[in-house]
Protein backbone atom coordinates (compact mmCIF):
# COMPACT_ATOMS: atom_id res chain seq x y z
CA MET A 1 7.19 11.67 -31.05
CA LEU A 2 4.48 9.82 -29.19
CA VAL A 3 1.93 11.81 -27.17
CA LEU A 4 0.08 10.74 -24.04
CA PRO A 5 -3.56 11.77 -23.61
CA SER A 6 -4.72 14.20 -20.93
CA GLU A 7 -6.16 11.34 -18.87
CA LEU A 8 -4.37 8.05 -18.26
CA THR A 9 -5.82 5.90 -15.52
CA HIS A 10 -6.49 2.19 -15.20
CA GLU A 11 -9.55 2.62 -17.42
CA GLN A 12 -7.53 3.98 -20.39
CA ALA A 13 -4.25 2.11 -19.83
CA SER A 14 -4.74 -0.83 -22.21
CA ALA A 15 -5.97 1.32 -25.09
CA CYS A 16 -3.21 3.87 -24.55
CA LEU A 17 -0.53 1.19 -24.51
CA ARG A 18 -1.88 -0.31 -27.74
CA MET A 19 -1.78 3.16 -29.33
CA LEU A 20 1.81 3.73 -28.20
CA VAL A 21 3.01 0.34 -29.42
CA GLN A 22 1.36 0.97 -32.80
CA GLY A 23 3.09 4.36 -32.94
CA LEU A 24 6.45 2.74 -32.25
CA LYS A 25 6.17 0.77 -35.46
CA VAL A 26 6.33 3.89 -37.61
CA LEU A 27 8.98 5.83 -35.70
CA LYS A 28 12.47 5.80 -37.15
CA GLY A 29 15.67 6.93 -35.52
CA PRO A 30 17.70 5.98 -32.47
CA GLU A 31 15.45 7.66 -29.87
CA VAL A 32 11.77 7.57 -28.97
CA VAL A 33 10.34 10.57 -27.16
CA VAL A 34 7.03 10.37 -25.34
CA ASP A 35 5.38 13.74 -24.66
CA ALA A 36 3.49 13.63 -21.36
CA SER A 37 2.87 17.37 -21.09
CA ALA A 38 -0.90 17.03 -21.72
CA LEU A 39 -1.27 14.52 -18.87
CA THR A 40 -3.39 16.01 -16.09
CA VAL A 41 -5.40 13.07 -14.70
CA PHE A 42 -3.47 9.90 -13.95
CA ASP A 43 -2.82 7.10 -11.52
CA SER A 44 -0.12 4.48 -11.18
CA SER A 45 -1.34 2.91 -14.42
CA ALA A 46 0.37 5.77 -16.26
CA LEU A 47 3.69 4.56 -14.87
CA ALA A 48 2.89 1.00 -15.93
CA VAL A 49 2.14 2.19 -19.47
CA LEU A 50 5.35 4.22 -19.66
CA LEU A 51 7.45 1.35 -18.32
CA GLU A 52 5.95 -1.14 -20.78
CA CYS A 53 6.50 1.32 -23.62
CA ARG A 54 10.09 1.74 -22.42
CA ARG A 55 10.54 -2.04 -22.49
CA GLU A 56 9.29 -2.17 -26.08
CA VAL A 57 11.61 0.68 -27.12
CA LEU A 58 14.65 -0.81 -25.43
CA SER A 59 13.98 -4.18 -27.08
CA ASP A 60 14.45 -2.34 -30.41
CA ARG A 61 17.77 -0.97 -29.07
CA LYS A 62 16.54 2.62 -29.06
CA ALA A 63 16.73 5.26 -26.34
CA PHE A 64 13.55 6.12 -24.45
CA VAL A 65 12.88 9.65 -23.20
CA VAL A 66 9.81 11.16 -21.53
CA LYS A 67 9.19 14.87 -22.03
CA GLY A 68 6.90 17.01 -19.88
CA LEU A 69 6.25 14.43 -17.17
CA PRO A 70 4.08 16.06 -14.46
CA ALA A 71 5.88 16.59 -11.15
CA ALA A 72 3.29 14.51 -9.30
CA LEU A 73 3.98 11.56 -11.59
CA VAL A 74 7.74 11.99 -11.10
CA GLY A 75 7.07 11.86 -7.36
CA MET A 76 4.94 8.75 -7.74
CA ALA A 77 7.73 7.09 -9.73
CA GLY A 78 10.09 7.89 -6.86
CA LEU A 79 7.71 6.35 -4.33
CA TYR A 80 7.55 3.16 -6.37
CA GLY A 81 11.31 3.15 -6.92
CA VAL A 82 11.11 3.29 -10.71
CA ASP A 83 12.21 6.90 -11.21
CA GLY A 84 15.64 5.73 -12.36
CA LEU A 85 14.02 3.84 -15.23
CA LEU A 86 12.44 6.92 -16.78
CA GLN A 87 14.77 9.33 -18.52
CA VAL A 88 12.97 12.65 -18.18
CA ALA A 89 13.71 15.57 -20.51
CA ASP A 90 12.59 19.17 -20.00
C-alpha cells in the first residue's frame, strides 16, 4: 500500500509523485491501493498526482484504488470531471 502525506499541494506534488512511482516498483500483486486518509491539506495538485499515479499503475495492467479520500477532494474531482477515474474504497 502506498500512503499519501498529510499535505499535498503544488509545492509537494513533484516529490510526492516521485515517491509514489518509486513505491510502485516494489509492490507486487494485481492491485495498488493508495491510502489518502492522512491527507488534510491539499489543492488540485493532489488530484494531478493521483491521476498520474493511476496512469502508471494502469500501464502495468494493475487495478488502482484510493482509500480514505477526503470528501472535499472527492468533491473537487467531481468539479473537474475526473471523479470517474478514481476508484474510491472505504
